[in-house]
Amino acid sequence: MTATDRTVRRRRPFLRAAVVTAAGAGLLATLAPAAVGQPADRSLASGCHGAVHLTAADRTDRTDSADGRADWAAADAALAGLTRPGYSTSALAAVRENGRLVWRNATGVADLATGLPADPEGRFRIGSTTKTFVATTLLQLVGERRLDLDDRLECLLPGIVPNSTQITVRQLLNHTSGVANYTQDPAFEFDDQGWLTARRFKPYSLQDLVDIANKYPPAFPPGQDWRYSNTNYVLIGMIIEKLTGRSWQEEVTRRIIRPLHLTGTSMPGHSPFIPGSHAHGYLRTDTGPVDITLLDPSMAGPAGSGISTTADLTTFIGALLGGRLLRPTELAAMQQTGTSGGGLGYGLGLQRLETPCGTYWGHAGGIPGYNTLMLGSADGKRQFASAVTVYDVADANAANAAWNRLTVTALCGAQAPALAAGSVPDLARTTP
């Protein structure tokens, strides 16, 4: 049966914001401007400054204490709680502590057709978790005095969007720019046969995505509110390309992926494939599952096209929060959050989660077929990453509670109380 023969069940737009909220604190709020020193040499930006399948290695990494064994057994059970009821076809997760993987597992199947078990080392699409890689790359350029966080967009990309003379780089990074979200366009709905059979393979340039956003009015004047917009990070990608003369993918690879030896991580351009071992992503329809693993990731670009593994994501967020990728000034700016609008807990490409065992920073992400969560402790010592191939979320409350339980158990142990409702992203969302 072809995709055109199938009736697709109504789903949400796929690139809406899936965010980690501070426990009990509601939605995310704006980032208060941080003081950043005026660079001596600001080329290109001059004059713009403004106001359950374990490998042997996994088993040997597990903690030997009775409490440790109980915690990891509970984490195994929480992971299975995502696939056993059918909320997802596969679920992967890992915990790294002091640079060492102490737990990693996978449940469910990688392929419904073959029944091949999910691989704990497998790759997956990471959606908006890509934003943290892109923000880090941009902040490295800030640290190199190639631009300033308060530079105006107009000086970098003249006339690119409405209000570009008032929008700062900082406002793009923390979603206070008011720039329209290109993914509100009907082209990015996947609830009809047109997306399944044609639009998911449509190639887009960064300019194409901005042009789509410009069909819609700004959400608010720059700096006056908070609203998640994938267009912000498309613009950040364009800034990286203008400043470096290389694609944003090349810069992320050169500055982060290669130095950290993230061998399972890539930032694809138009290739529809996920290289190496990976779980397939599916869309549930009235006539059965439709495999949506293959798609042109340029529809997400620097807002959400990345591919990675749980081990690589824990390495990356550990290196970032441990101070290995940014100077203290830029890392501190990345973690500054404000209290206005809907962005409480959102910094510069980082989201904050308060847990029973402390503050964690990271980012959630989603793209058709895949949901991801990456978190790290503020001191850079403990990290967690999970990925699920969402399938049948008939009971959203139960599914979200299962992902909540996995997250808090992996981070804080078997006896930790549950996070507040809404603290982890809605498992039913398929947005970066």
Protein backbone atom coordinates (compact mmCIF):
# COMPACT_ATOMS: atom_id res chain seq x y z
CA MET A 1 0.00 0.00 0.00
CA THR A 2 1.40 3.39 -0.93
CA ALA A 3 1.30 6.49 1.27
CA THR A 4 -1.37 7.96 -1.00
CA ASP A 5 -3.68 5.07 -0.12
CA ARG A 6 -3.56 5.87 3.55
CA THR A 7 -5.77 8.20 5.54
CA VAL A 8 -3.65 10.31 7.86
CA ARG A 9 -4.77 11.04 11.37
CA ARG A 10 -4.88 14.73 12.30
CA ARG A 11 -1.61 15.81 13.97
CA ARG A 12 -0.03 19.06 15.12
CA PRO A 13 2.27 21.17 12.94
CA PHE A 14 5.69 19.60 13.11
CA LEU A 15 7.97 22.54 13.84
CA ARG A 16 6.18 24.18 16.75
CA ALA A 17 8.23 24.79 19.89
CA ALA A 18 8.81 21.82 22.20
CA VAL A 19 10.44 23.32 25.25
CA VAL A 20 11.67 22.31 28.67
CA THR A 21 10.02 24.51 31.29
CA ALA A 22 11.22 25.23 34.79
CA ALA A 23 9.37 22.92 37.15
CA GLY A 24 6.21 24.59 38.39
CA ALA A 25 7.15 27.88 36.71
CA GLY A 26 5.09 27.77 33.54
CA LEU A 27 6.38 28.71 30.10
CA LEU A 28 9.74 30.17 29.15
CA ALA A 29 10.51 33.89 29.51
CA THR A 30 12.84 36.42 27.91
CA LEU A 31 16.53 36.73 28.50
CA ALA A 32 17.71 39.92 30.20
CA PRO A 33 20.56 41.55 28.22
CA ALA A 34 24.00 40.75 29.57
CA ALA A 35 26.91 43.16 29.61
CA VAL A 36 29.35 42.18 26.88
CA GLY A 37 32.57 44.08 26.35
CA GLN A 38 32.88 46.15 23.18
CA PRO A 39 35.29 44.34 20.82
CA ALA A 40 38.37 46.14 19.59
CA ASP A 41 37.96 44.69 16.08
CA ARG A 42 34.44 43.92 14.96
CA SER A 43 34.76 43.12 11.28
CA LEU A 44 31.47 42.91 9.34
CA ALA A 45 29.56 43.91 12.47
CA SER A 46 31.25 47.29 12.91
CA GLY A 47 28.87 50.04 13.99
CA CYS A 48 26.03 47.63 14.80
CA HIS A 49 26.25 47.55 18.60
CA GLY A 50 22.90 48.54 20.12
CA ALA A 51 21.34 49.05 23.50
CA VAL A 52 16.73 -2.75 27.00
CA HIS A 53 19.53 -3.86 24.95
CA LEU A 54 22.80 -3.26 26.70
CA THR A 55 26.22 -3.67 25.17
CA ALA A 56 28.99 -5.26 27.22
CA ALA A 57 30.60 -1.84 27.62
CA ASP A 58 27.37 -0.42 28.99
CA ARG A 59 27.13 -3.15 31.60
CA THR A 60 30.68 -2.56 32.84
CA ASP A 61 29.93 1.16 33.19
CA ARG A 62 27.08 0.63 35.62
CA THR A 63 27.53 1.61 39.26
CA ASP A 64 28.18 -1.45 41.43
CA SER A 65 26.57 -0.19 44.65
CA ALA A 66 23.17 -1.54 45.65
CA ASP A 67 21.65 1.93 45.33
CA GLY A 68 23.23 2.36 41.92
CA ARG A 69 21.94 -0.99 40.68
CA ALA A 70 18.44 -0.13 41.90
CA ASP A 71 18.54 3.26 40.18
CA TRP A 72 19.58 1.81 36.84
CA ALA A 73 17.03 -0.99 37.09
CA ALA A 74 14.41 1.70 37.70
CA ALA A 75 15.73 3.64 34.70
CA ASP A 76 15.49 0.50 32.56
CA ALA A 77 11.87 0.06 33.65
CA ALA A 78 11.08 3.74 32.98
CA LEU A 79 12.56 3.45 29.49
CA ALA A 80 10.45 0.38 28.77
CA GLY A 81 7.44 2.36 30.00
CA LEU A 82 7.64 4.38 26.79
CA THR A 83 7.59 1.47 24.35
CA ARG A 84 5.57 -1.19 26.14
CA PRO A 85 2.28 0.78 25.97
CA GLY A 86 3.05 1.79 22.37
CA TYR A 87 3.71 5.48 23.00
CA SER A 88 6.86 5.02 20.93
CA THR A 89 8.29 2.27 18.77
CA SER A 90 11.76 2.77 20.25
CA ALA A 91 13.31 4.65 23.16
CA LEU A 92 17.00 5.32 23.82
CA ALA A 93 18.64 7.00 26.79
CA ALA A 94 22.04 7.50 28.41
CA VAL A 95 23.59 9.08 31.49
CA ARG A 96 27.18 10.31 31.66
CA GLU A 97 28.90 11.22 34.91
CA ASN A 98 32.33 12.82 35.21
CA GLY A 99 33.01 12.02 31.57
CA ARG A 100 32.03 8.34 31.80
CA LEU A 101 28.89 6.65 30.50
CA VAL A 102 27.34 5.09 33.61
CA TRP A 103 24.08 3.94 32.00
CA ARG A 104 22.85 3.47 28.46
CA ASN A 105 19.97 1.40 27.14
CA ALA A 106 17.41 1.05 24.38
CA THR A 107 13.97 -0.56 24.24
CA GLY A 108 11.53 -1.31 21.46
CA VAL A 109 12.36 -1.95 17.83
CA ALA A 110 14.36 -0.06 15.24
CA ASP A 111 12.22 -1.31 12.37
CA LEU A 112 8.61 -2.46 12.58
CA ALA A 113 9.00 -4.46 9.38
CA THR A 114 11.92 -6.58 10.58
CA GLY A 115 11.51 -6.39 14.35
CA LEU A 116 15.20 -5.50 14.71
CA PRO A 117 15.79 -4.35 18.31
CA ALA A 118 16.59 -0.70 18.90
CA ASP A 119 20.32 -0.03 19.19
CA PRO A 120 21.48 1.94 22.27
CA GLU A 121 24.29 3.33 20.08
CA GLY A 122 21.91 4.22 17.23
CA ARG A 123 21.49 7.63 15.63
CA PHE A 124 18.34 9.75 15.44
CA ARG A 125 17.13 13.15 14.30
CA ILE A 126 17.49 15.65 17.15
CA GLY A 127 15.17 18.47 16.02
CA SER A 128 15.62 21.70 17.98
CA THR A 129 18.44 20.26 20.06
CA THR A 130 20.37 21.43 16.99
CA LYS A 131 19.81 24.99 18.24
CA THR A 132 22.27 24.51 21.10
CA PHE A 133 25.02 23.51 18.64
CA VAL A 134 24.24 26.53 16.46
CA ALA A 135 24.04 28.95 19.39
CA THR A 136 27.38 27.68 20.71
CA THR A 137 28.99 28.24 17.32
CA LEU A 138 27.63 31.79 17.14
CA LEU A 139 28.82 32.51 20.69
CA GLN A 140 32.30 31.31 19.78
CA LEU A 141 32.29 34.00 17.08
CA VAL A 142 31.21 36.50 19.75
CA GLY A 143 34.15 35.37 21.87
CA GLU A 144 36.42 35.93 18.86
CA ARG A 145 35.07 39.50 18.58
CA ARG A 146 33.61 38.85 15.16
CA LEU A 147 30.32 40.33 16.37
CA ASP A 148 28.53 41.41 19.54
CA LEU A 149 25.32 40.07 21.05
CA ASP A 150 23.79 43.54 20.82
CA ASP A 151 24.68 44.06 17.16
CA ARG A 152 21.68 44.91 15.01
CA LEU A 153 20.48 42.37 12.47
CA GLU A 154 20.28 45.12 9.85
CA CYS A 155 24.08 45.53 9.86
CA LEU A 156 24.62 41.81 9.37
CA LEU A 157 21.76 40.92 7.00
CA PRO A 158 20.32 44.19 5.67
CA GLY A 159 16.58 44.18 5.06
CA ILE A 160 16.28 40.46 5.74
CA VAL A 161 13.10 40.69 7.87
CA PRO A 162 10.79 43.44 9.11
CA ASN A 163 12.18 45.35 12.13
CA SER A 164 15.74 44.27 11.29
CA THR A 165 17.03 47.70 12.38
CA GLN A 166 15.72 47.06 15.89
CA ILE A 167 16.41 43.31 16.30
CA THR A 168 19.63 42.29 18.05
CA VAL A 169 21.56 39.03 17.77
CA ARG A 170 20.71 38.36 21.41
CA GLN A 171 17.00 38.63 20.65
CA LEU A 172 17.33 36.05 17.88
CA LEU A 173 19.06 33.62 20.24
CA ASN A 174 16.53 33.99 23.06
CA HIS A 175 13.36 34.26 20.91
CA THR A 176 12.48 37.82 21.85
CA SER A 177 12.89 39.20 18.32
CA GLY A 178 9.23 38.89 17.35
CA VAL A 179 10.23 37.46 13.96
CA ALA A 180 7.42 35.34 12.52
CA ASN A 181 7.86 31.57 12.76
CA TYR A 182 8.11 30.15 9.23
CA THR A 183 6.72 26.81 10.39
CA GLN A 184 3.28 28.31 10.96
CA ASP A 185 2.89 28.06 7.18
CA PRO A 186 0.63 25.24 5.90
CA ALA A 187 3.60 23.83 3.99
CA PHE A 188 4.87 22.51 7.30
CA GLU A 189 1.73 20.64 8.31
CA PHE A 190 2.05 16.89 7.92
CA ASP A 191 -1.57 15.94 8.37
CA ASP A 192 -2.27 15.42 4.66
CA GLN A 193 -1.03 13.23 1.85
CA GLY A 194 0.73 16.15 0.19
CA TRP A 195 3.34 16.33 2.94
CA LEU A 196 3.86 12.58 3.01
CA THR A 197 4.27 12.14 -0.72
CA ALA A 198 5.95 15.37 -1.80
CA ARG A 199 6.62 18.15 0.69
CA ARG A 200 8.76 16.13 3.08
CA PHE A 201 11.31 15.80 0.24
CA LYS A 202 11.15 19.46 -0.83
CA PRO A 203 14.54 21.20 -0.66
CA TYR A 204 14.76 24.62 0.99
CA SER A 205 17.51 27.21 1.18
CA LEU A 206 17.84 29.38 4.28
CA GLN A 207 16.53 32.30 2.25
CA ASP A 208 13.51 30.21 1.22
CA LEU A 209 12.61 29.69 4.87
CA VAL A 210 12.98 33.38 5.67
CA ASP A 211 10.84 34.28 2.66
CA ILE A 212 8.09 32.03 4.01
CA ALA A 213 8.34 33.70 7.43
CA ASN A 214 8.06 37.13 5.78
CA LYS A 215 4.59 36.24 4.50
CA TYR A 216 3.44 36.73 8.09
CA PRO A 217 3.57 39.85 10.29
CA PRO A 218 5.97 40.05 13.25
CA ALA A 219 4.51 38.57 16.43
CA PHE A 220 5.43 41.67 18.49
CA PRO A 221 7.95 44.56 18.51
CA PRO A 222 11.52 43.37 19.18
CA GLY A 223 12.25 42.84 22.87
CA GLN A 224 8.64 43.30 23.98
CA ASP A 225 7.67 39.65 24.49
CA TRP A 226 8.83 36.05 24.03
CA ARG A 227 7.73 33.60 21.38
CA TYR A 228 9.56 30.56 20.07
CA SER A 229 10.37 31.03 16.38
CA ASN A 230 12.43 28.67 14.27
CA THR A 231 13.14 31.57 11.92
CA ASN A 232 15.39 33.09 14.60
CA TYR A 233 17.85 30.23 14.19
CA VAL A 234 17.65 30.25 10.42
CA LEU A 235 18.85 33.85 10.68
CA ILE A 236 21.60 32.81 13.13
CA GLY A 237 22.73 30.24 10.56
CA MET A 238 22.84 32.94 7.89
CA ILE A 239 24.90 35.19 10.19
CA ILE A 240 27.39 32.38 10.80
CA GLU A 241 27.71 31.88 7.05
CA LYS A 242 28.27 35.59 6.37
CA LEU A 243 30.90 35.98 9.08
CA THR A 244 32.86 32.84 8.26
CA GLY A 245 32.36 32.33 4.52
CA ARG A 246 31.44 28.71 5.25
CA SER A 247 28.11 26.96 5.68
CA TRP A 248 26.68 26.77 9.16
CA GLN A 249 27.02 22.97 8.96
CA GLU A 250 30.75 23.28 8.23
CA GLU A 251 31.26 25.65 11.15
CA VAL A 252 29.39 23.45 13.64
CA THR A 253 31.43 20.48 12.42
CA ARG A 254 34.74 22.35 12.53
CA ARG A 255 34.18 23.96 15.91
CA ILE A 256 32.22 21.33 17.87
CA ILE A 257 31.68 17.96 16.23
CA ARG A 258 35.25 17.28 15.16
CA PRO A 259 37.08 18.62 18.27
CA LEU A 260 34.79 16.62 20.58
CA HIS A 261 35.05 13.47 18.40
CA LEU A 262 31.27 13.22 18.07
CA THR A 263 31.43 10.39 15.56
CA GLY A 264 27.67 9.81 15.51
CA THR A 265 26.74 13.48 15.00
CA SER A 266 26.17 15.28 11.72
CA MET A 267 24.43 18.38 10.39
CA PRO A 268 23.03 17.30 7.02
CA GLY A 269 22.17 19.58 4.15
CA HIS A 270 19.64 17.87 1.89
CA SER A 271 20.41 14.17 2.35
CA PRO A 272 17.21 12.38 3.43
CA PHE A 273 19.10 9.52 5.06
CA ILE A 274 20.18 8.85 8.64
CA PRO A 275 23.61 7.20 8.35
CA GLY A 276 24.56 4.13 10.33
CA SER A 277 22.41 2.18 12.76
CA HIS A 278 19.18 4.02 13.57
CA ALA A 279 15.57 3.52 14.55
CA HIS A 280 12.91 4.32 11.97
CA GLY A 281 10.37 7.05 12.62
CA TYR A 282 6.67 6.43 11.96
CA LEU A 283 3.41 8.27 11.56
CA ARG A 284 0.35 6.46 12.88
CA THR A 285 -2.56 6.47 10.44
CA ASP A 286 -5.98 4.89 10.37
CA THR A 287 -4.60 2.08 8.22
CA GLY A 288 -1.33 1.52 10.05
CA PRO A 289 2.17 2.97 10.39
CA VAL A 290 3.77 5.07 7.64
CA ASP A 291 7.57 5.13 7.70
CA ILE A 292 8.68 8.79 7.68
CA THR A 293 12.37 8.22 8.43
CA LEU A 294 13.38 9.75 5.11
CA LEU A 295 12.87 13.48 4.64
CA ASP A 296 14.80 16.49 3.39
CA PRO A 297 16.20 18.03 6.61
CA SER A 298 16.62 21.45 4.97
CA MET A 299 13.01 22.06 6.08
CA ALA A 300 14.52 22.51 9.55
CA GLY A 301 18.02 23.78 8.73
CA PRO A 302 19.91 25.32 11.67
CA ALA A 303 16.64 25.29 13.64
CA GLY A 304 16.47 21.51 13.82
CA SER A 305 18.12 19.33 11.16
CA GLY A 306 20.84 17.65 13.24
CA ILE A 307 21.47 13.93 13.74
CA SER A 308 23.21 12.48 16.81
CA THR A 309 23.38 9.72 19.44
CA THR A 310 22.72 9.70 23.17
CA ALA A 311 26.43 9.28 23.90
CA ASP A 312 27.38 12.22 21.67
CA LEU A 313 24.71 14.50 23.12
CA THR A 314 25.89 13.82 26.67
CA THR A 315 29.47 14.50 25.60
CA PHE A 316 28.48 17.77 23.93
CA ILE A 317 26.38 19.22 26.74
CA GLY A 318 29.02 18.16 29.27
CA ALA A 319 31.75 19.93 27.31
CA LEU A 320 29.59 23.04 26.89
CA LEU A 321 28.57 23.40 30.54
CA GLY A 322 32.03 22.31 31.68
CA GLY A 323 33.55 25.35 29.97
CA ARG A 324 35.37 23.57 27.15
CA LEU A 325 33.60 25.28 24.24
CA LEU A 326 32.99 28.87 25.36
CA ARG A 327 34.72 31.51 27.41
CA PRO A 328 33.11 32.17 30.84
CA THR A 329 31.56 35.43 29.58
CA GLU A 330 29.71 33.79 26.70
CA LEU A 331 28.71 30.73 28.73
CA ALA A 332 27.28 32.99 31.44
CA ALA A 333 25.32 34.94 28.82
CA MET A 334 23.98 31.68 27.42
CA GLN A 335 22.50 30.83 30.84
CA GLN A 336 20.90 34.20 31.59
CA THR A 337 17.11 34.12 31.55
CA GLY A 338 14.44 36.75 32.13
CA THR A 339 10.97 36.88 33.59
CA SER A 340 8.78 38.56 30.97
CA GLY A 341 6.71 37.00 28.22
CA GLY A 342 6.45 33.25 27.86
CA GLY A 343 10.12 32.33 28.03
CA LEU A 344 10.94 31.72 31.68
CA GLY A 345 13.88 29.34 31.67
CA TYR A 346 15.14 30.04 28.11
CA GLY A 347 18.61 31.49 27.64
CA LEU A 348 20.66 31.70 24.45
CA GLY A 349 19.93 28.32 22.88
CA LEU A 350 19.67 26.67 26.30
CA GLN A 351 16.61 25.71 28.32
CA ARG A 352 16.61 25.33 32.11
CA LEU A 353 14.99 22.48 34.05
CA GLU A 354 14.69 22.47 37.83
CA THR A 355 14.77 18.91 39.20
CA PRO A 356 14.75 17.32 42.67
CA CYS A 357 18.53 16.98 42.33
CA GLY A 358 19.38 20.45 41.04
CA THR A 359 19.34 22.68 37.97
CA TYR A 360 19.89 21.18 34.54
CA TRP A 361 20.42 22.93 31.22
CA GLY A 362 19.87 21.64 27.70
CA HIS A 363 17.31 21.59 24.93
CA ALA A 364 14.39 19.53 23.70
CA GLY A 365 13.68 18.85 20.06
CA GLY A 366 11.28 17.18 17.68
CA ILE A 367 10.90 16.54 13.98
CA PRO A 368 8.53 14.09 12.27
CA GLY A 369 9.11 10.67 13.81
CA TYR A 370 11.60 11.73 16.51
CA ASN A 371 11.64 13.50 19.88
CA THR A 372 14.83 14.29 21.80
CA LEU A 373 15.82 15.66 25.20
CA MET A 374 19.38 16.66 26.19
CA LEU A 375 20.23 17.90 29.70
CA GLY A 376 23.35 18.57 31.72
CA SER A 377 24.05 19.71 35.28
CA ALA A 378 25.21 23.27 35.70
CA ASP A 379 28.64 22.11 36.90
CA GLY A 380 29.20 19.95 33.81
CA LYS A 381 29.49 16.72 35.81
CA ARG A 382 26.29 14.82 34.94
CA GLN A 383 24.42 14.58 31.65
CA PHE A 384 21.33 12.85 30.28
CA ALA A 385 20.01 12.34 26.76
CA SER A 386 16.97 10.50 25.48
CA ALA A 387 15.33 9.95 22.12
CA VAL A 388 11.99 8.37 21.27
CA THR A 389 10.29 7.52 18.01
CA VAL A 390 6.80 8.65 18.95
CA TYR A 391 3.94 6.53 17.63
CA ASP A 392 0.64 6.08 19.49
CA VAL A 393 -0.02 8.76 22.10
CA ALA A 394 -3.71 8.10 22.62
CA ASP A 395 -3.34 9.03 26.30
CA ALA A 396 -1.15 12.15 26.28
CA ASN A 397 -1.12 12.51 30.09
CA ALA A 398 0.10 8.95 30.59
CA ALA A 399 2.71 9.25 27.83
CA ASN A 400 4.05 12.52 29.21
CA ALA A 401 4.15 11.04 32.72
CA ALA A 402 6.22 8.12 31.37
CA TRP A 403 8.79 10.47 29.80
CA ASN A 404 8.79 12.56 32.97
CA ARG A 405 9.51 9.43 35.02
CA LEU A 406 12.38 8.40 32.74
CA THR A 407 13.94 11.86 32.97
CA VAL A 408 13.76 12.25 36.74
CA THR A 409 14.81 8.64 37.41
CA ALA A 410 17.86 8.90 35.15
CA LEU A 411 18.88 12.26 36.59
CA CYS A 412 17.97 11.90 40.27
CA GLY A 413 17.43 8.22 41.08
CA ALA A 414 14.59 5.80 41.64
CA GLN A 415 13.24 7.51 44.76
CA ALA A 416 13.08 11.05 43.34
CA PRO A 417 9.63 12.67 43.19
CA ALA A 418 8.07 13.30 39.79
CA LEU A 419 8.70 16.58 38.04
CA ALA A 420 5.83 19.06 37.85
CA ALA A 421 3.45 18.47 34.95
CA GLY A 422 4.75 20.21 31.85
CA SER A 423 8.37 20.19 33.01
CA VAL A 424 9.47 18.00 30.11
CA PRO A 425 8.24 18.57 26.56
CA ASP A 426 4.93 17.13 25.43
CA LEU A 427 5.73 13.72 23.99
CA ALA A 428 3.01 14.18 21.38
CA ARG A 429 4.79 17.20 19.88
CA THR A 430 6.90 16.65 16.79
CA THR A 431 8.66 20.00 16.74
CA PRO A 432 12.30 21.10 17.02
